[in-house]
Amino acid sequence: MSVWLPTSPCTPAACAGHEGRVASVPHAAARLIAAVAVVLLGILGAQPVRLLPERPRQALVRAWATALVRAFGIRLTVHGSPGPDGGRLIVANHISWLDIALVAAVTPSRMLAKSDIRTWPVLGPLSRQNGTLFIERDRIRALPDTVAAVTRALLDGDRVTVFPEGSTWCGRAQGPFRRAAFQAALDARVPVQPVRITYLLDGRTPAGADPAGAPAFVGDDPLTASLWRIVRARGVRAEVRLLPRIPPGRHAHRRDLAAAAQAAVVPGPAPAPPSLPGIPSQPGPPSATDRDSAKRPSESVHHWVNSSPAESSSFRMPS
C-alpha cells in the first residue's frame, strides 16, 4: 500500500461482526436474488431513464435505489431535505459499498469512483450508464484532471457525491477528510452538502439502537463475504442525515471547507487514530492531498507535482 493512498485501520474481524438476529439461509438467498434482480433492472432501464426530464428521472432513481436497499433487508430512515435543484458537492462518511445506494435513494447524483470499477461485471456497466466520474488513484498526476472534471459537472448543474475519507471506515471510527475534491466546489462556486451515514442495529439497547457491524466493508473484506453477511443480518437500519449546506463563499480555502464539512459529518474533535477494541492504531503518513499545501499554491488544486504512488487493490471510493 502506497503512503500516498488513504488507508483505514478497520478490519472485518474487528468491525464487521453481526450480534443481532440472523436470517435463515433460504431467506438470505431470496434477498440476494432480489437484489441482483433490482441491479439488472437498473442496468436495463438506465438508458431510457436518462432520456426523461430531470424531476421524473430523479424520482425513478430514488425509487430504484430504495428498492435495492430494501432488497438487501436494510430499512432506511432519512432526516433532512435535499433542497433546491442545482450543482452541489455532496460529501459523506464512508462505511460500505451500500453507501452509494443510500445516497442515490435520498439525492441522486453522479459518483466519484476509482477507475477499476469501469471494468467490473454488473457494477461497471451500471456506473458508466449513470454518469460516474472516475479517478485513477494510482496516478497522482491525474488528480488535477479529475478535479477539473468534477468542476465541469458542478458547473453544468450536476450533483456530485464524493467520499472524502478516501477509504471505508467501520462507523465507530472515522478518517480525516481529504481536501482535493473540495477545490472543485470552490472553483465552481457551488454549495457543499454534508451527509452523515449511520448503520444501526435496532433493539439492542434501551435507547433503541447500536451501531451495526454487518454493513461495514473494510480492510481486505471480500465483496462476496460482505454481500452474504448483509443479507443474513436482520434488524439493520440505515440512517441518512442531510446536514445544513455550506454556501459558496463561506470558506476561501479547501482546507477550511474540508474541515467545516468534516465537523458537520463527524461531530466533535477531528478524527484521530482510533483506540477502539480490536482496531489497531495507525498513525501513518499523511496522504498526498494533505501534503498539497507544501507542494503547490493553495489557491488551486491544478498545480501538481510528480509522485509515485502504488496501486490500491481494494474497492474504495476515493477523494
C-alpha atoms as a PDB file:
ATOM      1  CA  MET A   1       0.000   0.000   0.000  1.00  0.00           C
ATOM      2  CA  SER A   2       1.412   3.374  -1.005  1.00  0.00           C
ATOM      3  CA  VAL A   3       1.905   6.147   1.533  1.00  0.00           C
ATOM      4  CA  TRP A   4       0.034   8.391  -0.917  1.00  0.00           C
ATOM      5  CA  LEU A   5      -3.245   6.487  -0.636  1.00  0.00           C
ATOM      6  CA  PRO A   6      -5.689   6.860   2.276  1.00  0.00           C
ATOM      7  CA  THR A   7      -5.977   3.751   4.427  1.00  0.00           C
ATOM      8  CA  SER A   8      -8.142   2.638   7.318  1.00  0.00           C
ATOM      9  CA  PRO A   9      -7.077   0.519  10.301  1.00  0.00           C
ATOM     10  CA  CYS A  10     -10.512  -1.127  10.489  1.00  0.00           C
ATOM     11  CA  THR A  11     -10.634  -4.864   9.770  1.00  0.00           C
ATOM     12  CA  PRO A  12     -13.504  -7.290   9.108  1.00  0.00           C
ATOM     13  CA  ALA A  13     -12.678  -9.321  12.213  1.00  0.00           C
ATOM     14  CA  ALA A  14     -12.746  -6.280  14.487  1.00  0.00           C
ATOM     15  CA  CYS A  15     -15.558  -4.291  12.919  1.00  0.00           C
ATOM     16  CA  ALA A  16     -17.870  -6.316  10.707  1.00  0.00           C
ATOM     17  CA  GLY A  17     -19.399  -8.801  13.116  1.00  0.00           C
ATOM     18  CA  HIS A  18     -23.159  -9.103  13.494  1.00  0.00           C
ATOM     19  CA  GLU A  19     -24.516  -9.642  17.019  1.00  0.00           C
ATOM     20  CA  GLY A  20     -28.215  -9.472  16.225  1.00  0.00           C
ATOM     21  CA  ARG A  21     -30.726 -11.846  14.719  1.00  0.00           C
ATOM     22  CA  VAL A  22     -29.836 -13.686  11.525  1.00  0.00           C
ATOM     23  CA  ALA A  23     -31.982 -14.673   8.566  1.00  0.00           C
ATOM     24  CA  SER A  24     -32.259 -18.287   7.508  1.00  0.00           C
ATOM     25  CA  VAL A  25     -30.203 -19.407   4.533  1.00  0.00           C
ATOM     26  CA  PRO A  26     -33.251 -19.591   2.219  1.00  0.00           C
ATOM     27  CA  HIS A  27     -34.356 -16.120   3.345  1.00  0.00           C
ATOM     28  CA  ALA A  28     -30.861 -14.722   2.801  1.00  0.00           C
ATOM     29  CA  ALA A  29     -30.660 -16.331  -0.652  1.00  0.00           C
ATOM     30  CA  ALA A  30     -34.015 -14.802  -1.575  1.00  0.00           C
ATOM     31  CA  ARG A  31     -32.736 -11.374  -0.521  1.00  0.00           C
ATOM     32  CA  LEU A  32     -29.641 -11.795  -2.641  1.00  0.00           C
ATOM     33  CA  ILE A  33     -31.649 -12.889  -5.687  1.00  0.00           C
ATOM     34  CA  ALA A  34     -33.984  -9.920  -5.244  1.00  0.00           C
ATOM     35  CA  ALA A  35     -31.031  -7.518  -5.039  1.00  0.00           C
ATOM     36  CA  VAL A  36     -29.472  -8.944  -8.208  1.00  0.00           C
ATOM     37  CA  ALA A  37     -32.815  -8.579  -9.976  1.00  0.00           C
ATOM     38  CA  VAL A  38     -33.038  -4.911  -8.940  1.00  0.00           C
ATOM     39  CA  VAL A  39     -29.488  -4.262 -10.175  1.00  0.00           C
ATOM     40  CA  LEU A  40     -30.231  -5.909 -13.535  1.00  0.00           C
ATOM     41  CA  LEU A  41     -33.404  -3.841 -13.820  1.00  0.00           C
ATOM     42  CA  GLY A  42     -31.301  -0.736 -13.235  1.00  0.00           C
ATOM     43  CA  ILE A  43     -28.874  -1.702 -15.994  1.00  0.00           C
ATOM     44  CA  LEU A  44     -31.666  -2.384 -18.482  1.00  0.00           C
ATOM     45  CA  GLY A  45     -33.561   0.769 -17.626  1.00  0.00           C
ATOM     46  CA  ALA A  46     -30.633   3.179 -17.330  1.00  0.00           C
ATOM     47  CA  GLN A  47     -30.673   4.416 -20.927  1.00  0.00           C
ATOM     48  CA  PRO A  48     -34.439   5.059 -21.209  1.00  0.00           C
ATOM     49  CA  VAL A  49     -34.485   6.769 -17.795  1.00  0.00           C
ATOM     50  CA  ARG A  50     -31.690   9.156 -18.845  1.00  0.00           C
ATOM     51  CA  LEU A  51     -33.974  10.478 -21.607  1.00  0.00           C
ATOM     52  CA  LEU A  52     -36.574  11.667 -19.106  1.00  0.00           C
ATOM     53  CA  PRO A  53     -36.770  15.218 -17.706  1.00  0.00           C
ATOM     54  CA  GLU A  54     -34.806  15.768 -14.519  1.00  0.00           C
ATOM     55  CA  ARG A  55     -37.580  15.520 -11.931  1.00  0.00           C
ATOM     56  CA  PRO A  56     -39.150  12.224 -13.087  1.00  0.00           C
ATOM     57  CA  ARG A  57     -35.661  10.849 -13.739  1.00  0.00           C
ATOM     58  CA  GLN A  58     -34.555  11.590 -10.192  1.00  0.00           C
ATOM     59  CA  ALA A  59     -37.782  10.178  -8.773  1.00  0.00           C
ATOM     60  CA  LEU A  60     -37.200   6.903 -10.602  1.00  0.00           C
ATOM     61  CA  VAL A  61     -33.571   6.745  -9.470  1.00  0.00           C
ATOM     62  CA  ARG A  62     -34.629   7.320  -5.858  1.00  0.00           C
ATOM     63  CA  ALA A  63     -37.262   4.590  -6.137  1.00  0.00           C
ATOM     64  CA  TRP A  64     -34.784   2.148  -7.696  1.00  0.00           C
ATOM     65  CA  ALA A  65     -32.088   2.811  -5.080  1.00  0.00           C
ATOM     66  CA  THR A  66     -34.602   2.498  -2.251  1.00  0.00           C
ATOM     67  CA  ALA A  67     -35.761  -0.825  -3.680  1.00  0.00           C
ATOM     68  CA  LEU A  68     -32.156  -2.033  -3.812  1.00  0.00           C
ATOM     69  CA  VAL A  69     -31.528  -1.120  -0.173  1.00  0.00           C
ATOM     70  CA  ARG A  70     -34.760  -2.850   0.881  1.00  0.00           C
ATOM     71  CA  ALA A  71     -33.895  -5.929  -1.198  1.00  0.00           C
ATOM     72  CA  PHE A  72     -30.806  -6.364   0.987  1.00  0.00           C
ATOM     73  CA  GLY A  73     -33.049  -6.260   4.068  1.00  0.00           C
ATOM     74  CA  ILE A  74     -31.932  -2.778   5.169  1.00  0.00           C
ATOM     75  CA  ARG A  75     -34.555  -0.323   6.405  1.00  0.00           C
ATOM     76  CA  LEU A  76     -33.912   3.311   5.552  1.00  0.00           C
ATOM     77  CA  THR A  77     -34.530   6.412   7.670  1.00  0.00           C
ATOM     78  CA  VAL A  78     -33.895   9.874   6.202  1.00  0.00           C
ATOM     79  CA  HIS A  79     -33.526  13.154   8.073  1.00  0.00           C
ATOM     80  CA  GLY A  80     -33.458  16.480   6.236  1.00  0.00           C
ATOM     81  CA  SER A  81     -34.299  17.621   2.732  1.00  0.00           C
ATOM     82  CA  PRO A  82     -32.206  17.571  -0.462  1.00  0.00           C
ATOM     83  CA  GLY A  83     -33.141  21.202  -1.052  1.00  0.00           C
ATOM     84  CA  PRO A  84     -33.355  23.007  -4.401  1.00  0.00           C
ATOM     85  CA  ASP A  85     -32.011  21.738  -7.691  1.00  0.00           C
ATOM     86  CA  GLY A  86     -28.625  22.808  -8.991  1.00  0.00           C
ATOM     87  CA  GLY A  87     -24.992  21.842  -8.751  1.00  0.00           C
ATOM     88  CA  ARG A  88     -23.543  20.931  -5.391  1.00  0.00           C
ATOM     89  CA  LEU A  89     -20.791  18.772  -3.950  1.00  0.00           C
ATOM     90  CA  ILE A  90     -22.185  16.052  -1.685  1.00  0.00           C
ATOM     91  CA  VAL A  91     -19.687  14.724   0.850  1.00  0.00           C
ATOM     92  CA  ALA A  92     -20.355  11.795   3.182  1.00  0.00           C
ATOM     93  CA  ASN A  93     -18.563   9.466   5.539  1.00  0.00           C
ATOM     94  CA  HIS A  94     -17.853   6.075   4.000  1.00  0.00           C
ATOM     95  CA  ILE A  95     -18.669   2.750   5.669  1.00  0.00           C
ATOM     96  CA  SER A  96     -19.874   0.375   2.978  1.00  0.00           C
ATOM     97  CA  TRP A  97     -20.491  -0.097  -0.726  1.00  0.00           C
ATOM     98  CA  LEU A  98     -24.146   0.275   0.293  1.00  0.00           C
ATOM     99  CA  ASP A  99     -23.457   3.975   0.906  1.00  0.00           C
ATOM    100  CA  ILE A 100     -23.753   4.582  -2.841  1.00  0.00           C
ATOM    101  CA  ALA A 101     -27.310   3.262  -2.946  1.00  0.00           C
ATOM    102  CA  LEU A 102     -28.223   5.165   0.218  1.00  0.00           C
ATOM    103  CA  VAL A 103     -27.130   8.496  -1.244  1.00  0.00           C
ATOM    104  CA  ALA A 104     -28.941   7.736  -4.511  1.00  0.00           C
ATOM    105  CA  ALA A 105     -32.112   6.895  -2.585  1.00  0.00           C
ATOM    106  CA  VAL A 106     -32.078  10.346  -0.995  1.00  0.00           C
ATOM    107  CA  THR A 107     -30.431  12.680  -3.502  1.00  0.00           C
ATOM    108  CA  PRO A 108     -29.483  11.143  -6.881  1.00  0.00           C
ATOM    109  CA  SER A 109     -26.114  12.341  -8.096  1.00  0.00           C
ATOM    110  CA  ARG A 110     -23.033  11.449 -10.070  1.00  0.00           C
ATOM    111  CA  MET A 111     -20.481   9.473  -8.083  1.00  0.00           C
ATOM    112  CA  LEU A 112     -16.703   9.773  -7.990  1.00  0.00           C
ATOM    113  CA  ALA A 113     -15.270   6.239  -8.126  1.00  0.00           C
ATOM    114  CA  LYS A 114     -11.962   4.585  -8.774  1.00  0.00           C
ATOM    115  CA  SER A 115     -11.330   3.748 -12.426  1.00  0.00           C
ATOM    116  CA  ASP A 116     -11.122  -0.028 -11.849  1.00  0.00           C
ATOM    117  CA  ILE A 117     -14.892  -0.180 -11.398  1.00  0.00           C
ATOM    118  CA  ARG A 118     -15.397   0.593 -15.096  1.00  0.00           C
ATOM    119  CA  THR A 119     -14.386  -2.987 -15.941  1.00  0.00           C
ATOM    120  CA  TRP A 120     -16.299  -4.752 -13.167  1.00  0.00           C
ATOM    121  CA  PRO A 121     -19.204  -7.036 -14.115  1.00  0.00           C
ATOM    122  CA  VAL A 122     -22.644  -5.592 -13.329  1.00  0.00           C
ATOM    123  CA  LEU A 123     -21.360  -2.548 -11.425  1.00  0.00           C
ATOM    124  CA  GLY A 124     -19.174  -1.411 -14.322  1.00  0.00           C
ATOM    125  CA  PRO A 125     -21.953  -1.016 -16.903  1.00  0.00           C
ATOM    126  CA  LEU A 126     -24.295   0.446 -14.277  1.00  0.00           C
ATOM    127  CA  SER A 127     -21.757   3.062 -13.177  1.00  0.00           C
ATOM    128  CA  ARG A 128     -20.884   4.048 -16.744  1.00  0.00           C
ATOM    129  CA  GLN A 129     -24.524   4.446 -17.727  1.00  0.00           C
ATOM    130  CA  ASN A 130     -25.229   6.630 -14.711  1.00  0.00           C
ATOM    131  CA  GLY A 131     -22.533   9.210 -15.411  1.00  0.00           C
ATOM    132  CA  THR A 132     -19.991   8.133 -12.804  1.00  0.00           C
ATOM    133  CA  LEU A 133     -16.786  10.185 -12.762  1.00  0.00           C
ATOM    134  CA  PHE A 134     -13.675   8.044 -12.462  1.00  0.00           C
ATOM    135  CA  ILE A 135     -10.353   8.727 -10.799  1.00  0.00           C
ATOM    136  CA  GLU A 136      -7.085   6.856 -11.327  1.00  0.00           C
ATOM    137  CA  ARG A 137      -5.983   6.544  -7.729  1.00  0.00           C
ATOM    138  CA  ASP A 138      -2.564   5.161  -8.605  1.00  0.00           C
ATOM    139  CA  ARG A 139      -1.693   8.223 -10.712  1.00  0.00           C
ATOM    140  CA  ILE A 140      -1.323  11.308  -8.544  1.00  0.00           C
ATOM    141  CA  ARG A 141      -0.634  13.431 -11.627  1.00  0.00           C
ATOM    142  CA  ALA A 142      -4.145  12.615 -12.877  1.00  0.00           C
ATOM    143  CA  LEU A 143      -5.719  14.311  -9.857  1.00  0.00           C
ATOM    144  CA  PRO A 144      -5.939  17.807 -11.423  1.00  0.00           C
ATOM    145  CA  ASP A 145      -7.832  16.361 -14.388  1.00  0.00           C
ATOM    146  CA  THR A 146     -10.234  14.619 -12.001  1.00  0.00           C
ATOM    147  CA  VAL A 147     -10.871  17.825 -10.066  1.00  0.00           C
ATOM    148  CA  ALA A 148     -11.407  19.659 -13.356  1.00  0.00           C
ATOM    149  CA  ALA A 149     -13.958  17.017 -14.425  1.00  0.00           C
ATOM    150  CA  VAL A 150     -15.822  17.365 -11.130  1.00  0.00           C
ATOM    151  CA  THR A 151     -15.761  21.154 -11.515  1.00  0.00           C
ATOM    152  CA  ARG A 152     -17.266  20.920 -15.004  1.00  0.00           C
ATOM    153  CA  ALA A 153     -20.018  18.621 -13.752  1.00  0.00           C
ATOM    154  CA  LEU A 154     -20.846  21.039 -10.939  1.00  0.00           C
ATOM    155  CA  LEU A 155     -20.905  23.988 -13.353  1.00  0.00           C
ATOM    156  CA  ASP A 156     -23.309  22.014 -15.553  1.00  0.00           C
ATOM    157  CA  GLY A 157     -25.694  21.819 -12.601  1.00  0.00           C
ATOM    158  CA  ASP A 158     -24.971  18.226 -11.602  1.00  0.00           C
ATOM    159  CA  ARG A 159     -24.775  16.954  -8.064  1.00  0.00           C
ATOM    160  CA  VAL A 160     -21.547  15.044  -7.467  1.00  0.00           C
ATOM    161  CA  THR A 161     -21.005  12.739  -4.490  1.00  0.00           C
ATOM    162  CA  VAL A 162     -17.554  12.192  -3.012  1.00  0.00           C
ATOM    163  CA  PHE A 163     -16.442  10.147  -0.016  1.00  0.00           C
ATOM    164  CA  PRO A 164     -13.517  12.322   1.119  1.00  0.00           C
ATOM    165  CA  GLU A 165     -12.176   9.881   3.709  1.00  0.00           C
ATOM    166  CA  GLY A 166     -10.793   8.061   0.667  1.00  0.00           C
ATOM    167  CA  SER A 167     -11.388   4.629   2.205  1.00  0.00           C
ATOM    168  CA  THR A 168     -14.099   2.872   4.180  1.00  0.00           C
ATOM    169  CA  TRP A 169     -14.162   3.037   7.977  1.00  0.00           C
ATOM    170  CA  CYS A 170     -16.330   0.953  10.281  1.00  0.00           C
ATOM    171  CA  GLY A 171     -18.513   3.799  11.565  1.00  0.00           C
ATOM    172  CA  ARG A 172     -17.260   3.576  15.147  1.00  0.00           C
ATOM    173  CA  ALA A 173     -14.130   5.364  13.949  1.00  0.00           C
ATOM    174  CA  GLN A 174     -13.728   7.868  11.124  1.00  0.00           C
ATOM    175  CA  GLY A 175     -10.924   9.075   8.885  1.00  0.00           C
ATOM    176  CA  PRO A 176      -9.897  12.642   8.068  1.00  0.00           C
ATOM    177  CA  PHE A 177     -11.442  14.319   5.050  1.00  0.00           C
ATOM    178  CA  ARG A 178      -9.016  14.709   2.145  1.00  0.00           C
ATOM    179  CA  ARG A 179      -9.131  18.164   0.626  1.00  0.00           C
ATOM    180  CA  ALA A 180      -8.674  17.860  -3.119  1.00  0.00           C
ATOM    181  CA  ALA A 181     -12.310  17.379  -4.126  1.00  0.00           C
ATOM    182  CA  PHE A 182     -13.341  20.469  -2.177  1.00  0.00           C
ATOM    183  CA  GLN A 183     -11.367  22.585  -4.638  1.00  0.00           C
ATOM    184  CA  ALA A 184     -13.956  21.697  -7.272  1.00  0.00           C
ATOM    185  CA  ALA A 185     -16.695  23.251  -5.124  1.00  0.00           C
ATOM    186  CA  LEU A 186     -14.591  26.381  -4.690  1.00  0.00           C
ATOM    187  CA  ASP A 187     -13.819  26.619  -8.412  1.00  0.00           C
ATOM    188  CA  ALA A 188     -17.475  26.079  -9.395  1.00  0.00           C
ATOM    189  CA  ARG A 189     -18.791  28.272  -6.545  1.00  0.00           C
ATOM    190  CA  VAL A 190     -21.422  25.739  -5.509  1.00  0.00           C
ATOM    191  CA  PRO A 191     -22.606  24.705  -2.036  1.00  0.00           C
ATOM    192  CA  VAL A 192     -21.278  21.670  -0.211  1.00  0.00           C
ATOM    193  CA  GLN A 193     -23.878  19.256   1.169  1.00  0.00           C
ATOM    194  CA  PRO A 194     -22.553  17.250   4.146  1.00  0.00           C
ATOM    195  CA  VAL A 195     -24.255  13.883   4.660  1.00  0.00           C
ATOM    196  CA  ARG A 196     -23.897  11.610   7.669  1.00  0.00           C
ATOM    197  CA  ILE A 197     -24.441   7.871   7.124  1.00  0.00           C
ATOM    198  CA  THR A 198     -25.033   5.540  10.066  1.00  0.00           C
ATOM    199  CA  TYR A 199     -25.929   1.846  10.202  1.00  0.00           C
ATOM    200  CA  LEU A 200     -27.833   0.830  13.314  1.00  0.00           C
ATOM    201  CA  LEU A 201     -28.923  -2.435  14.878  1.00  0.00           C
ATOM    202  CA  ASP A 202     -32.372  -1.835  16.324  1.00  0.00           C
ATOM    203  CA  GLY A 203     -33.483  -3.038  19.731  1.00  0.00           C
ATOM    204  CA  ARG A 204     -30.084  -3.733  21.265  1.00  0.00           C
ATOM    205  CA  THR A 205     -30.122  -1.017  23.956  1.00  0.00           C
ATOM    206  CA  PRO A 206     -32.763   0.928  25.910  1.00  0.00           C
ATOM    207  CA  ALA A 207     -32.009   3.862  23.624  1.00  0.00           C
ATOM    208  CA  GLY A 208     -33.149   1.696  20.732  1.00  0.00           C
ATOM    209  CA  ALA A 209     -30.112   1.059  18.531  1.00  0.00           C
ATOM    210  CA  ASP A 210     -26.430   0.179  18.485  1.00  0.00           C
ATOM    211  CA  PRO A 211     -24.008   0.615  15.581  1.00  0.00           C
ATOM    212  CA  ALA A 212     -24.428  -2.267  13.146  1.00  0.00           C
ATOM    213  CA  GLY A 213     -21.285  -4.077  12.053  1.00  0.00           C
ATOM    214  CA  ALA A 214     -22.639  -6.209   9.203  1.00  0.00           C
ATOM    215  CA  PRO A 215     -22.662  -3.456   6.532  1.00  0.00           C
ATOM    216  CA  ALA A 216     -19.055  -2.398   7.210  1.00  0.00           C
ATOM    217  CA  PHE A 217     -16.867  -3.158   4.189  1.00  0.00           C
ATOM    218  CA  VAL A 218     -13.352  -2.634   5.478  1.00  0.00           C
ATOM    219  CA  GLY A 219      -9.821  -3.916   5.133  1.00  0.00           C
ATOM    220  CA  ASP A 220      -9.426  -6.963   2.916  1.00  0.00           C
ATOM    221  CA  ASP A 221     -13.077  -7.983   3.210  1.00  0.00           C
ATOM    222  CA  PRO A 222     -14.116  -9.852   0.023  1.00  0.00           C
ATOM    223  CA  LEU A 223     -17.210  -8.437  -1.672  1.00  0.00           C
ATOM    224  CA  THR A 224     -18.877 -11.871  -1.686  1.00  0.00           C
ATOM    225  CA  ALA A 225     -18.409 -12.206   2.084  1.00  0.00           C
ATOM    226  CA  SER A 226     -19.805  -8.717   2.607  1.00  0.00           C
ATOM    227  CA  LEU A 227     -22.857  -9.467   0.457  1.00  0.00           C
ATOM    228  CA  TRP A 228     -23.648 -12.668   2.333  1.00  0.00           C
ATOM    229  CA  ARG A 229     -23.112 -11.053   5.749  1.00  0.00           C
ATOM    230  CA  ILE A 230     -25.556  -8.264   4.885  1.00  0.00           C
ATOM    231  CA  VAL A 231     -28.340 -10.497   3.541  1.00  0.00           C
ATOM    232  CA  ARG A 232     -28.106 -12.717   6.627  1.00  0.00           C
ATOM    233  CA  ALA A 233     -28.277  -9.830   9.101  1.00  0.00           C
ATOM    234  CA  ARG A 234     -31.681  -8.853  10.482  1.00  0.00           C
ATOM    235  CA  GLY A 235     -32.716  -5.681  12.272  1.00  0.00           C
ATOM    236  CA  VAL A 236     -30.278  -3.405  10.404  1.00  0.00           C
ATOM    237  CA  ARG A 237     -31.390   0.151   9.705  1.00  0.00           C
ATOM    238  CA  ALA A 238     -29.534   2.770   7.677  1.00  0.00           C
ATOM    239  CA  GLU A 239     -29.876   6.381   8.754  1.00  0.00           C
ATOM    240  CA  VAL A 240     -29.032   9.197   6.331  1.00  0.00           C
ATOM    241  CA  ARG A 241     -28.855  12.765   7.650  1.00  0.00           C
ATOM    242  CA  LEU A 242     -28.759  15.644   5.196  1.00  0.00           C
ATOM    243  CA  LEU A 243     -26.986  18.335   7.193  1.00  0.00           C
ATOM    244  CA  PRO A 244     -27.099  22.112   6.603  1.00  0.00           C
ATOM    245  CA  ARG A 245     -25.425  23.058   3.352  1.00  0.00           C
ATOM    246  CA  ILE A 246     -22.236  25.113   3.385  1.00  0.00           C
ATOM    247  CA  PRO A 247     -22.874  28.013   0.992  1.00  0.00           C
ATOM    248  CA  PRO A 248     -20.276  29.097  -1.573  1.00  0.00           C
ATOM    249  CA  GLY A 249     -18.001  31.868  -0.379  1.00  0.00           C
ATOM    250  CA  ARG A 250     -18.097  30.973   3.304  1.00  0.00           C
ATOM    251  CA  HIS A 251     -14.610  29.420   3.124  1.00  0.00           C
ATOM    252  CA  ALA A 252     -11.885  30.595   0.762  1.00  0.00           C
ATOM    253  CA  HIS A 253      -9.512  27.637   1.140  1.00  0.00           C
ATOM    254  CA  ARG A 254     -10.210  23.957   0.525  1.00  0.00           C
ATOM    255  CA  ARG A 255      -8.562  23.145   3.869  1.00  0.00           C
ATOM    256  CA  ASP A 256     -11.149  25.201   5.766  1.00  0.00           C
ATOM    257  CA  LEU A 257     -14.020  23.927   3.619  1.00  0.00           C
ATOM    258  CA  ALA A 258     -12.991  20.298   4.203  1.00  0.00           C
ATOM    259  CA  ALA A 259     -12.668  20.941   7.944  1.00  0.00           C
ATOM    260  CA  ALA A 260     -16.144  22.522   8.085  1.00  0.00           C
ATOM    261  CA  ALA A 261     -17.701  19.604   6.212  1.00  0.00           C
ATOM    262  CA  GLN A 262     -15.948  17.087   8.423  1.00  0.00           C
ATOM    263  CA  ALA A 263     -17.057  18.897  11.584  1.00  0.00           C
ATOM    264  CA  ALA A 264     -20.647  18.597  10.371  1.00  0.00           C
ATOM    265  CA  VAL A 265     -20.451  14.938   9.367  1.00  0.00           C
ATOM    266  CA  VAL A 266     -18.322  13.807  12.331  1.00  0.00           C
ATOM    267  CA  PRO A 267     -19.308  15.956  15.359  1.00  0.00           C
ATOM    268  CA  GLY A 268     -16.658  16.534  17.976  1.00  0.00           C
ATOM    269  CA  PRO A 269     -12.849  16.653  17.718  1.00  0.00           C
ATOM    270  CA  ALA A 270     -11.150  15.847  14.432  1.00  0.00           C
ATOM    271  CA  PRO A 271     -10.700  12.087  13.939  1.00  0.00           C
ATOM    272  CA  ALA A 272      -7.528  10.641  15.409  1.00  0.00           C
ATOM    273  CA  PRO A 273      -6.060   7.145  15.111  1.00  0.00           C
ATOM    274  CA  PRO A 274      -8.711   5.034  16.871  1.00  0.00           C
ATOM    275  CA  SER A 275      -8.172   3.155  20.099  1.00  0.00           C
ATOM    276  CA  LEU A 276     -11.319   1.057  19.898  1.00  0.00           C
ATOM    277  CA  PRO A 277     -11.121  -2.578  20.973  1.00  0.00           C
ATOM    278  CA  GLY A 278      -9.831  -4.691  18.129  1.00  0.00           C
ATOM    279  CA  ILE A 279      -8.944  -1.738  15.907  1.00  0.00           C
ATOM    280  CA  PRO A 280      -5.183  -1.189  15.832  1.00  0.00           C
ATOM    281  CA  SER A 281      -3.757   2.291  15.984  1.00  0.00           C
ATOM    282  CA  GLN A 282      -2.420   3.535  12.662  1.00  0.00           C
ATOM    283  CA  PRO A 283      -0.627   6.884  12.815  1.00  0.00           C
ATOM    284  CA  GLY A 284       0.721   6.532   9.275  1.00  0.00           C
ATOM    285  CA  PRO A 285       1.992   9.278   6.986  1.00  0.00           C
ATOM    286  CA  PRO A 286      -0.348  11.933   5.579  1.00  0.00           C
ATOM    287  CA  SER A 287      -1.941  11.459   2.188  1.00  0.00           C
ATOM    288  CA  ALA A 288      -0.908  13.380  -0.881  1.00  0.00           C
ATOM    289  CA  THR A 289      -3.933  15.628  -0.597  1.00  0.00           C
ATOM    290  CA  ASP A 290      -2.968  16.519   2.961  1.00  0.00           C
ATOM    291  CA  ARG A 291       0.545  17.437   1.834  1.00  0.00           C
ATOM    292  CA  ASP A 292      -0.581  19.578  -1.059  1.00  0.00           C
ATOM    293  CA  SER A 293      -0.070  22.939   0.645  1.00  0.00           C
ATOM    294  CA  ALA A 294       3.647  22.253   0.828  1.00  0.00           C
ATOM    295  CA  LYS A 295       3.888  21.321  -2.839  1.00  0.00           C
ATOM    296  CA  ARG A 296       1.891  23.985  -4.641  1.00  0.00           C
ATOM    297  CA  PRO A 297      -0.033  27.225  -4.170  1.00  0.00           C
ATOM    298  CA  SER A 298      -3.130  26.877  -2.037  1.00  0.00           C
ATOM    299  CA  GLU A 299      -5.363  28.767  -4.466  1.00  0.00           C
ATOM    300  CA  SER A 300      -5.907  25.808  -6.758  1.00  0.00           C
ATOM    301  CA  VAL A 301      -5.529  22.067  -6.943  1.00  0.00           C
ATOM    302  CA  HIS A 302      -4.434  22.321 -10.562  1.00  0.00           C
ATOM    303  CA  HIS A 303      -0.748  22.786  -9.710  1.00  0.00           C
ATOM    304  CA  TRP A 304       0.506  19.285  -9.035  1.00  0.00           C
ATOM    305  CA  VAL A 305       3.937  17.706  -8.848  1.00  0.00           C
ATOM    306  CA  ASN A 306       5.189  14.275  -9.746  1.00  0.00           C
ATOM    307  CA  SER A 307       4.959  11.415  -7.280  1.00  0.00           C
ATOM    308  CA  SER A 308       4.967   7.640  -7.479  1.00  0.00           C
ATOM    309  CA  PRO A 309       2.045   6.003  -5.696  1.00  0.00           C
ATOM    310  CA  ALA A 310       1.453   2.277  -5.836  1.00  0.00           C
ATOM    311  CA  GLU A 311      -1.810   0.671  -6.934  1.00  0.00           C
ATOM    312  CA  SER A 312      -4.571   0.145  -4.416  1.00  0.00           C
ATOM    313  CA  SER A 313      -6.206  -3.257  -4.657  1.00  0.00           C
ATOM    314  CA  SER A 314      -9.367  -2.722  -2.594  1.00  0.00           C
ATOM    315  CA  PHE A 315     -12.720  -1.329  -3.691  1.00  0.00           C
ATOM    316  CA  ARG A 316     -12.995   2.056  -2.062  1.00  0.00           C
ATOM    317  CA  MET A 317     -14.466   5.359  -3.158  1.00  0.00           C
ATOM    318  CA  PRO A 318     -11.616   7.866  -3.464  1.00  0.00           C
ATOM    319  CA  SER A 319     -11.461  11.561  -2.811  1.00  0.00           C
END
